[in-house]
Protein backbone atom coordinates (compact mmCIF):
# COMPACT_ATOMS: atom_id res chain seq x y z
CA MET A 1 0.00 0.00 0.00
CA LEU A 2 1.21 3.48 -0.86
CA THR A 3 0.47 6.65 1.02
CA ARG A 4 -1.46 9.30 -0.88
CA GLU A 5 1.70 11.41 -1.00
CA GLU A 6 3.72 8.56 -2.53
CA ASN A 7 0.95 7.86 -5.01
CA GLU A 8 0.92 11.48 -6.14
CA LEU A 9 4.67 11.39 -6.54
CA LEU A 10 4.47 8.38 -8.86
CA VAL A 11 1.51 9.31 -11.07
CA ARG A 12 2.39 12.91 -12.01
CA VAL A 13 4.61 13.05 -15.10
CA GLY A 14 4.36 16.60 -16.43
CA PRO A 15 7.27 19.05 -16.82
CA GLY A 16 8.96 19.86 -13.53
CA THR A 17 7.48 16.95 -11.56
CA PRO A 18 9.88 14.46 -9.93
CA MET A 19 8.49 11.50 -11.90
CA GLY A 20 8.41 13.61 -15.07
CA ASP A 21 12.10 14.40 -14.55
CA LEU A 22 12.82 10.68 -14.16
CA MET A 23 10.91 9.69 -17.33
CA ARG A 24 12.77 12.35 -19.31
CA ARG A 25 16.11 10.69 -18.59
CA TYR A 26 15.26 7.82 -20.98
CA TRP A 27 14.66 7.53 -24.71
CA VAL A 28 10.87 7.23 -24.95
CA PRO A 29 8.60 6.30 -27.88
CA ALA A 30 6.93 9.36 -29.41
CA LEU A 31 5.11 7.79 -32.39
CA LEU A 32 5.32 4.98 -34.91
CA CYS A 33 7.56 5.62 -37.91
CA SER A 34 4.53 4.86 -40.08
CA ASP A 35 2.69 7.83 -38.56
CA LEU A 36 4.95 9.98 -40.78
CA PRO A 37 5.09 7.79 -43.89
CA ALA A 38 7.03 10.05 -46.29
CA PRO A 39 9.14 13.23 -46.47
CA ASP A 40 7.03 16.41 -46.47
CA CYS A 41 3.90 14.47 -45.43
CA PRO A 42 1.38 16.18 -43.11
CA PRO A 43 2.61 16.76 -39.55
CA VAL A 44 0.99 14.98 -36.60
CA ARG A 45 0.18 16.03 -33.06
CA VAL A 46 2.08 14.27 -30.28
CA ARG A 47 1.19 14.61 -26.61
CA LEU A 48 3.91 13.13 -24.45
CA LEU A 49 4.59 13.43 -20.71
CA GLY A 50 2.04 16.24 -20.51
CA GLU A 51 3.59 18.30 -23.33
CA ASP A 52 1.82 19.26 -26.56
CA LEU A 53 4.18 18.69 -29.47
CA VAL A 54 4.07 18.34 -33.25
CA ALA A 55 6.11 15.89 -35.32
CA PHE A 56 7.01 16.22 -39.00
CA ARG A 57 9.25 14.42 -41.47
CA ALA A 58 11.45 16.89 -43.32
CA SER A 59 12.33 16.71 -47.01
CA GLN A 60 15.54 14.79 -46.31
CA GLY A 61 13.71 12.28 -44.11
CA LYS A 62 14.71 13.44 -40.62
CA VAL A 63 11.90 13.60 -38.05
CA GLY A 64 11.49 16.83 -36.10
CA LEU A 65 9.65 17.05 -32.79
CA LEU A 66 8.77 20.60 -31.81
CA ASP A 67 6.58 22.49 -29.38
CA GLU A 68 3.16 22.52 -31.02
CA PHE A 69 2.76 26.28 -30.78
CA CYS A 70 4.58 28.83 -32.91
CA PRO A 71 6.58 31.22 -30.68
CA HIS A 72 5.24 34.24 -32.62
CA ARG A 73 1.52 34.28 -31.79
CA LEU A 74 1.11 30.67 -30.59
CA ALA A 75 -0.84 29.31 -33.54
CA SER A 76 -0.66 25.51 -33.77
CA LEU A 77 2.07 24.19 -36.03
CA PHE A 78 -0.11 21.14 -36.64
CA LEU A 79 -1.70 23.41 -39.27
CA GLY A 80 1.75 24.12 -40.72
CA ARG A 81 3.05 23.53 -44.24
CA ASN A 82 5.73 20.85 -44.32
CA GLU A 83 8.05 22.12 -47.07
CA GLU A 84 11.73 22.21 -48.01
CA ASN A 85 13.14 20.80 -44.76
CA GLY A 86 11.03 22.90 -42.45
CA LEU A 87 7.59 23.40 -40.95
CA ARG A 88 6.05 26.76 -41.83
CA CYS A 89 3.37 28.34 -39.65
CA VAL A 90 0.23 29.18 -41.65
CA PHE A 91 -0.44 32.35 -39.63
CA HIS A 92 2.52 34.53 -40.64
CA GLY A 93 4.88 32.16 -42.46
CA TRP A 94 7.56 31.67 -39.83
CA LYS A 95 9.46 28.48 -40.66
CA PHE A 96 11.35 26.12 -38.35
CA ASP A 97 13.76 23.27 -39.03
CA VAL A 98 13.92 19.95 -37.15
CA ASP A 99 16.18 21.50 -34.50
CA GLY A 100 13.76 24.33 -33.73
CA ASN A 101 15.75 27.03 -35.52
CA CYS A 102 13.75 29.76 -37.24
CA VAL A 103 15.02 29.63 -40.84
CA ASP A 104 12.57 32.08 -42.44
CA MET A 105 10.53 35.04 -41.21
CA PRO A 106 8.85 36.52 -44.31
CA ASN A 107 6.76 39.10 -42.46
CA GLU A 108 9.90 40.89 -41.21
CA PRO A 109 12.08 43.29 -43.28
CA LEU A 110 14.71 41.61 -45.46
CA GLU A 111 17.52 43.24 -43.47
CA SER A 112 16.10 42.02 -40.14
CA ARG A 113 18.13 39.48 -38.19
CA PHE A 114 15.30 38.81 -35.74
CA LYS A 115 14.94 35.20 -36.91
CA GLU A 116 18.42 34.45 -35.59
CA LYS A 117 17.18 35.22 -32.08
CA VAL A 118 14.13 32.94 -32.26
CA HIS A 119 14.48 29.30 -31.31
CA MET A 120 11.63 27.04 -30.26
CA LYS A 121 11.64 23.98 -28.05
CA SER A 122 12.66 20.86 -29.94
CA TYR A 123 13.67 17.35 -28.91
CA PRO A 124 16.17 15.01 -30.60
CA THR A 125 14.69 11.97 -32.34
CA MET A 126 15.88 8.65 -33.67
CA GLU A 127 14.09 5.90 -35.60
CA LEU A 128 14.58 2.34 -34.43
CA ALA A 129 12.51 -0.84 -34.92
CA GLY A 130 9.49 0.93 -36.37
CA ILE A 131 9.32 3.55 -33.62
CA THR A 132 10.39 7.19 -33.54
CA TRP A 133 12.02 7.72 -30.13
CA THR A 134 12.80 11.00 -28.43
CA TYR A 135 14.89 12.18 -25.52
CA MET A 136 13.36 15.00 -23.46
CA GLY A 137 15.88 15.38 -20.66
CA PRO A 138 19.03 17.46 -20.08
CA PRO A 139 21.12 17.38 -23.30
CA GLU A 140 24.31 16.60 -21.41
CA LYS A 141 22.68 13.49 -19.93
CA GLU A 142 21.44 11.99 -23.22
CA PRO A 143 21.97 8.21 -23.03
CA ALA A 144 22.94 5.75 -25.75
CA PRO A 145 20.11 4.50 -28.00
CA PRO A 146 17.77 1.78 -26.66
CA GLY A 147 19.26 -1.71 -26.82
CA MET A 148 16.46 -4.26 -26.37
CA GLU A 149 16.87 -7.51 -28.30
CA TRP A 150 13.61 -6.99 -30.19
CA THR A 151 14.90 -3.72 -31.65
CA ARG A 152 17.68 -5.70 -33.37
CA ALA A 153 15.30 -8.10 -35.08
CA PRO A 154 14.77 -7.61 -38.84
CA GLU A 155 11.45 -6.15 -39.96
CA SER A 156 10.34 -9.58 -41.21
CA HIS A 157 10.60 -10.93 -37.65
CA ARG A 158 9.06 -7.99 -35.78
CA ASN A 159 5.80 -6.08 -35.40
CA VAL A 160 4.82 -3.03 -33.35
CA SER A 161 1.35 -1.58 -32.84
CA LYS A 162 -0.07 0.96 -30.43
CA THR A 163 -3.17 1.38 -28.29
CA LEU A 164 -4.59 4.39 -26.45
CA GLU A 165 -5.57 3.73 -22.85
CA PHE A 166 -7.69 6.15 -20.84
CA CYS A 167 -5.93 6.00 -17.49
CA ASN A 168 -2.63 6.78 -15.77
CA TYR A 169 0.45 4.87 -16.91
CA LEU A 170 1.06 3.34 -13.46
CA GLN A 171 -2.15 1.32 -13.31
CA ALA A 172 -1.59 0.29 -16.93
CA VAL A 173 1.90 -1.03 -16.10
CA GLU A 174 0.70 -2.71 -12.94
CA GLY A 175 -2.03 -4.50 -14.88
CA GLY A 176 0.56 -5.76 -17.33
CA ILE A 177 3.04 -7.07 -14.78
CA ASP A 178 0.35 -8.89 -12.80
CA THR A 179 1.00 -12.49 -13.89
CA VAL A 180 -1.95 -13.97 -11.97
CA HIS A 181 -4.86 -12.24 -13.67
CA SER A 182 -4.51 -14.25 -16.89
CA SER A 183 -6.15 -17.27 -15.22
CA PHE A 184 -9.26 -15.19 -14.63
CA LEU A 185 -9.48 -12.08 -16.81
CA HIS A 186 -8.25 -13.94 -19.92
CA ASN A 187 -10.09 -17.21 -19.36
CA ASN A 188 -11.97 -17.35 -22.66
CA ASP A 189 -13.18 -20.94 -22.29
CA LEU A 190 -15.09 -21.66 -19.08
CA SER A 191 -15.57 -25.28 -20.18
CA ASN A 192 -11.80 -25.98 -20.15
CA LYS A 193 -11.68 -27.27 -16.60
CA LYS A 194 -8.89 -29.70 -17.47
CA ALA A 195 -6.40 -26.92 -18.17
CA LEU A 196 -7.37 -25.11 -14.98
CA GLY A 197 -6.80 -28.29 -13.03
CA GLN A 198 -3.37 -28.96 -14.49
CA ILE A 199 -1.92 -25.48 -13.92
CA SER A 200 -2.41 -23.71 -10.63
CA ARG A 201 -4.23 -20.39 -10.85
CA SER A 202 -2.35 -19.15 -7.79
CA PRO A 203 1.35 -19.19 -8.69
CA ARG A 204 4.25 -18.54 -6.37
CA LEU A 205 6.00 -15.31 -7.33
CA ASP A 206 9.71 -14.69 -7.09
CA VAL A 207 10.99 -11.14 -7.81
CA GLU A 208 14.60 -9.97 -8.19
CA ARG A 209 15.92 -6.45 -8.47
CA THR A 210 18.39 -5.91 -11.33
CA SER A 211 20.61 -3.13 -12.69
CA TYR A 212 17.95 -2.32 -15.32
CA GLY A 213 14.84 -2.71 -13.17
CA PHE A 214 13.75 -6.17 -12.09
CA ARG A 215 12.87 -9.65 -13.27
CA TYR A 216 10.26 -11.96 -11.86
CA ALA A 217 8.95 -15.49 -12.21
CA GLY A 218 5.47 -16.95 -11.83
CA ILE A 219 5.97 -20.54 -10.68
CA ARG A 220 3.13 -23.06 -11.10
CA ASP A 221 3.25 -26.69 -10.03
CA VAL A 222 2.40 -29.02 -12.93
CA GLY A 223 2.88 -32.30 -11.11
CA GLU A 224 5.50 -34.91 -11.89
CA ILE A 225 6.90 -33.09 -14.93
CA GLY A 226 8.10 -30.16 -12.83
CA ASN A 227 7.18 -26.49 -12.51
CA TYR A 228 5.81 -24.29 -15.25
CA VAL A 229 7.84 -21.10 -14.82
CA ARG A 230 7.03 -17.90 -16.69
CA ILE A 231 9.95 -15.46 -16.40
CA TYR A 232 9.52 -11.78 -17.20
CA GLN A 233 12.03 -8.98 -17.59
CA PHE A 234 11.16 -5.37 -16.73
CA VAL A 235 13.31 -2.52 -18.02
CA LEU A 236 12.73 0.89 -16.51
CA PRO A 237 10.86 3.07 -16.82
CA PHE A 238 7.90 1.19 -18.38
CA GLN A 239 8.83 -1.82 -20.54
CA GLN A 240 8.01 -5.48 -19.94
CA PHE A 241 9.42 -8.50 -21.82
CA ARG A 242 7.43 -11.73 -21.82
CA SER A 243 7.53 -15.05 -23.63
CA SER A 244 4.43 -16.48 -25.24
CA ARG A 245 5.30 -20.15 -25.74
CA ILE A 246 6.93 -22.78 -23.56
CA VAL A 247 10.62 -23.08 -24.40
CA LYS A 248 11.98 -26.56 -23.81
CA THR A 249 15.22 -26.71 -21.84
CA ASP A 250 16.32 -29.98 -23.46
CA GLY A 251 16.87 -28.44 -26.90
CA GLN A 252 13.46 -29.26 -28.36
CA ARG A 253 12.06 -26.67 -30.74
CA ALA A 254 9.10 -24.61 -29.52
CA ALA A 255 6.06 -24.27 -31.77
CA ILE A 256 6.47 -20.51 -32.40
CA PRO A 257 9.46 -19.20 -30.45
CA GLN A 258 8.89 -15.52 -29.76
CA ASN A 259 9.14 -12.78 -27.17
CA ARG A 260 6.60 -10.03 -26.84
CA GLY A 261 5.94 -7.13 -24.57
CA HIS A 262 4.61 -3.65 -23.98
CA MET A 263 5.83 -0.13 -23.32
CA TRP A 264 3.30 1.90 -21.35
CA VAL A 265 4.19 5.48 -22.32
CA PRO A 266 2.54 8.36 -20.42
CA VAL A 267 0.64 10.77 -22.63
CA ASP A 268 -0.15 12.83 -19.55
CA ASP A 269 -1.36 12.06 -16.03
CA GLU A 270 -4.62 10.49 -17.22
CA ASN A 271 -3.81 8.81 -20.55
CA THR A 272 -1.30 6.25 -21.82
CA ILE A 273 -0.11 5.01 -25.20
CA ILE A 274 0.78 1.32 -25.16
CA TYR A 275 3.35 0.17 -27.71
CA ASN A 276 2.80 -3.57 -28.28
CA TRP A 277 5.81 -5.37 -29.73
CA ILE A 278 6.44 -8.94 -30.79
CA TYR A 279 9.42 -10.60 -32.43
CA ALA A 280 10.33 -14.09 -33.62
CA THR A 281 13.38 -15.40 -31.80
CA ASP A 282 14.06 -18.05 -34.49
CA GLU A 283 15.96 -16.40 -37.34
CA ASP A 284 14.68 -19.01 -39.81
CA ARG A 285 11.01 -18.41 -39.06
CA PRO A 286 9.76 -14.91 -39.91
CA PHE A 287 6.21 -13.77 -39.26
CA THR A 288 3.66 -13.78 -42.06
CA LYS A 289 1.17 -10.97 -42.59
CA GLU A 290 -1.62 -13.43 -41.87
CA TYR A 291 -0.09 -14.40 -38.55
CA ILE A 292 0.32 -10.78 -37.42
CA ALA A 293 -3.24 -9.92 -38.50
CA LYS A 294 -4.60 -12.86 -36.50
CA TYR A 295 -2.41 -12.00 -33.50
CA GLU A 296 -3.55 -8.37 -33.43
CA ALA A 297 -7.20 -9.32 -33.91
CA ASN A 298 -7.04 -11.89 -31.10
CA ALA A 299 -5.70 -9.18 -28.81
CA GLY A 300 -8.66 -6.99 -29.76
CA ARG A 301 -6.51 -4.41 -31.53
CA GLY A 302 -7.45 -5.07 -35.13
CA PRO A 303 -5.14 -5.65 -38.11
CA ASP A 304 -2.21 -3.47 -39.18
CA GLY A 305 -1.77 -1.66 -35.88
CA GLU A 306 -5.24 -0.14 -35.91
CA GLY A 307 -5.49 -0.61 -32.15
CA ALA A 308 -4.91 3.09 -31.57
CA VAL A 309 -8.56 3.53 -32.62
CA ARG A 310 -10.65 2.33 -29.69
CA HIS A 311 -14.10 0.88 -30.34
CA GLN A 312 -14.56 -0.63 -26.88
CA THR A 313 -14.42 1.99 -24.13
CA ARG A 314 -16.08 2.98 -20.87
CA ALA A 315 -18.71 4.83 -22.93
CA ASN A 316 -20.11 1.50 -24.21
CA ASP A 317 -19.03 -0.62 -21.21
CA TRP A 318 -16.29 -2.18 -23.33
CA LEU A 319 -19.08 -4.07 -25.20
CA ILE A 320 -19.45 -6.54 -22.35
CA ASP A 321 -21.90 -9.35 -23.22
CA ARG A 322 -23.46 -10.69 -20.01
CA GLU A 323 -24.77 -13.85 -21.68
CA VAL A 324 -21.30 -14.68 -23.02
CA GLN A 325 -19.92 -13.93 -19.57
CA ARG A 326 -22.42 -16.32 -17.98
CA THR A 327 -21.89 -19.20 -20.41
CA LYS A 328 -18.58 -18.94 -22.28
CA THR A 329 -15.89 -16.54 -21.01
CA PHE A 330 -14.97 -15.11 -17.64
CA THR A 331 -15.47 -11.46 -18.66
CA GLY A 332 -17.84 -11.44 -21.61
CA ILE A 333 -15.50 -8.89 -23.20
CA PRO A 334 -13.92 -9.81 -26.56
CA GLY A 335 -10.17 -9.39 -27.10
CA LEU A 336 -7.34 -10.09 -24.65
CA ASN A 337 -6.02 -6.55 -24.91
CA THR A 338 -9.46 -5.06 -24.38
CA GLN A 339 -10.01 -7.19 -21.28
CA ASP A 340 -6.88 -5.62 -19.77
CA LEU A 341 -7.99 -2.13 -20.76
CA ALA A 342 -11.45 -2.63 -19.28
CA ALA A 343 -10.11 -3.78 -15.90
CA GLN A 344 -7.55 -0.99 -15.69
CA GLU A 345 -9.82 1.81 -16.95
CA SER A 346 -12.65 0.67 -14.66
CA MET A 347 -10.54 1.86 -11.71
CA GLY A 348 -10.83 5.48 -12.88
CA ARG A 349 -8.23 7.72 -14.48
CA ILE A 350 -5.93 7.74 -11.42
CA VAL A 351 -6.15 5.15 -8.65
CA ASP A 352 -5.89 6.08 -4.96
CA ARG A 353 -3.53 3.28 -3.91
CA SER A 354 -3.88 4.09 -0.23
CA ARG A 355 -7.19 2.14 -0.40
CA GLU A 356 -5.69 -1.14 -1.69
CA SER A 357 -5.30 -4.51 0.02
CA LEU A 358 -2.34 -6.23 -1.66
CA GLY A 359 -1.68 -9.97 -1.44
CA THR A 360 1.15 -12.44 -1.93
CA THR A 361 0.83 -12.44 -5.74
CA ASP A 362 1.39 -8.67 -5.93
CA LYS A 363 5.15 -8.85 -5.35
CA ALA A 364 6.07 -7.54 -8.81
CA ILE A 365 3.78 -4.55 -8.37
CA ILE A 366 5.26 -3.79 -4.96
CA MET A 367 8.78 -4.07 -6.38
CA TYR A 368 8.01 -1.73 -9.29
CA ARG A 369 6.68 0.95 -6.97
CA ARG A 370 9.66 0.62 -4.65
CA ILE A 371 12.13 0.92 -7.53
CA LEU A 372 10.37 3.98 -8.95
CA LEU A 373 10.30 5.71 -5.57
CA ASP A 374 13.98 4.94 -5.03
CA ALA A 375 14.87 6.13 -8.55
CA VAL A 376 13.01 9.43 -8.13
CA ARG A 377 14.66 10.14 -4.80
CA ASN A 378 18.10 9.12 -6.06
CA LEU A 379 17.75 11.33 -9.13
CA GLN A 380 17.06 14.28 -6.86
CA ASN A 381 20.44 13.49 -5.28
CA GLY A 382 22.24 13.30 -8.63
CA ILE A 383 22.26 9.51 -9.03
CA ASN A 384 21.50 8.16 -12.54
CA PRO A 385 18.37 5.99 -12.83
CA PRO A 386 18.49 2.23 -13.46
CA GLY A 387 18.10 1.11 -17.07
CA VAL A 388 19.42 4.30 -18.65
CA ASP A 389 22.50 2.44 -19.88
CA PRO A 390 21.38 -0.07 -22.58
CA ASP A 391 24.34 -2.32 -21.81
CA THR A 392 22.60 -3.31 -18.56
CA TYR A 393 19.76 -5.08 -20.41
CA ARG A 394 21.08 -5.69 -23.93
CA GLY A 395 21.67 -9.39 -23.31
CA VAL A 396 18.41 -10.43 -21.60
CA ARG A 397 15.17 -11.97 -22.80
CA ALA A 398 12.06 -13.50 -21.24
CA ALA A 399 11.16 -17.19 -21.30
CA ASP A 400 8.51 -19.80 -20.48
CA ALA A 401 9.83 -23.19 -19.44
CA ILE A 402 9.03 -26.46 -17.71
CA LEU A 403 11.78 -26.64 -15.11
CA PRO A 404 12.81 -29.22 -12.51
CA LYS A 405 11.57 -28.62 -8.99
CA ASP A 406 14.88 -29.39 -7.30
CA LEU A 407 16.80 -26.42 -8.78
CA PRO A 408 16.30 -22.64 -8.47
CA TRP A 409 14.77 -21.25 -11.67
CA GLN A 410 17.63 -18.75 -11.90
CA GLU A 411 20.00 -21.68 -12.44
CA SER A 412 17.91 -24.05 -14.56
CA ALA A 413 16.58 -21.30 -16.89
CA LYS A 414 19.88 -19.46 -17.27
CA GLU A 415 20.49 -20.37 -20.92
CA VAL A 416 17.00 -19.54 -22.21
CA LEU A 417 17.15 -16.06 -20.64
CA ILE A 418 20.10 -14.96 -22.81
CA ALA A 419 19.43 -12.76 -25.86
CA ARG A 420 20.68 -14.38 -29.09
CA ARG A 421 20.61 -11.44 -31.49
């Protein structure tokens, strides 16, 4: 349980807030590369960590990320003309390059040098693995580019989509790292009592702090064959790695070896963009378009990354079907992703965690909060946050495995937790 003061410290991410300062020390996703499909295409609005920004792809292909509002009279640059390596305000023609420099001021006299004195807020960007990332912190503290294994996978073996969630990032993350809820919230076949009997719905959780955040294992007894252990990695500030298929430890080939995960990126205090990534860990087995379409549809996000458009929301009760809930599925809500969103959004935009009653299966949530609180307080004392250096997590991956009961999972799963790319 958090105090109300601690809760406020964690959920506020705007400029000048302690948690906002922490988030700005990392490279964070700003938009998908496909949101700006070609040079000189229309700009797009980006709201990130409580800031209103505009992104555009210049004539030479570089992505600029600027304050949305022109420093002249504060007209929105979303209306701007994207032309000749700059974004031109439609109000009076002031033009800015990707670095925020004013490169043209046509309403001033030709001899005026006023444009040399005007510079607007801009953030550096980089494109990696289908995402345009930005760094919003102190320039002298800019870290090396992100180094997750999935970002090194070729496009044929990787997919990224995004979803808008109408609540604070913290409850979105905490929903994602809760390994127990899948036995209930995502039970889409009430008649499958055999599966429920074979795998315990109340796993034992083991959580370890790491240099990049933490890792944790959900351990379920599956009888004589051993323990079913699902091992997650969590890289600060908001990224989870998970495995989706059991990986055999005796060298047998899994059906579809892959890792997947989410980045829960704060839009502001009350909204979150979730970047959903998946990659094939077998270099000889790329994804097909049909597979990705089916995967996205099963999650409730729709094909081709259309999950950013929400059709199931609080306004229509997430399209819950009470008859389906009574007879077929635990929730009556279609789509795995939507089931998560419904549970998390049903709490309200920002949860008062001082009212909670946490149990033994909430260890990962407790660890995440503790690490964030420590990181915020350490940053205020000049100590760099965990996970800023990509070398701390470059070599890790998540895994599912049937493991022997007589050995610690850290030892018996060691080989399958090593990144191979």
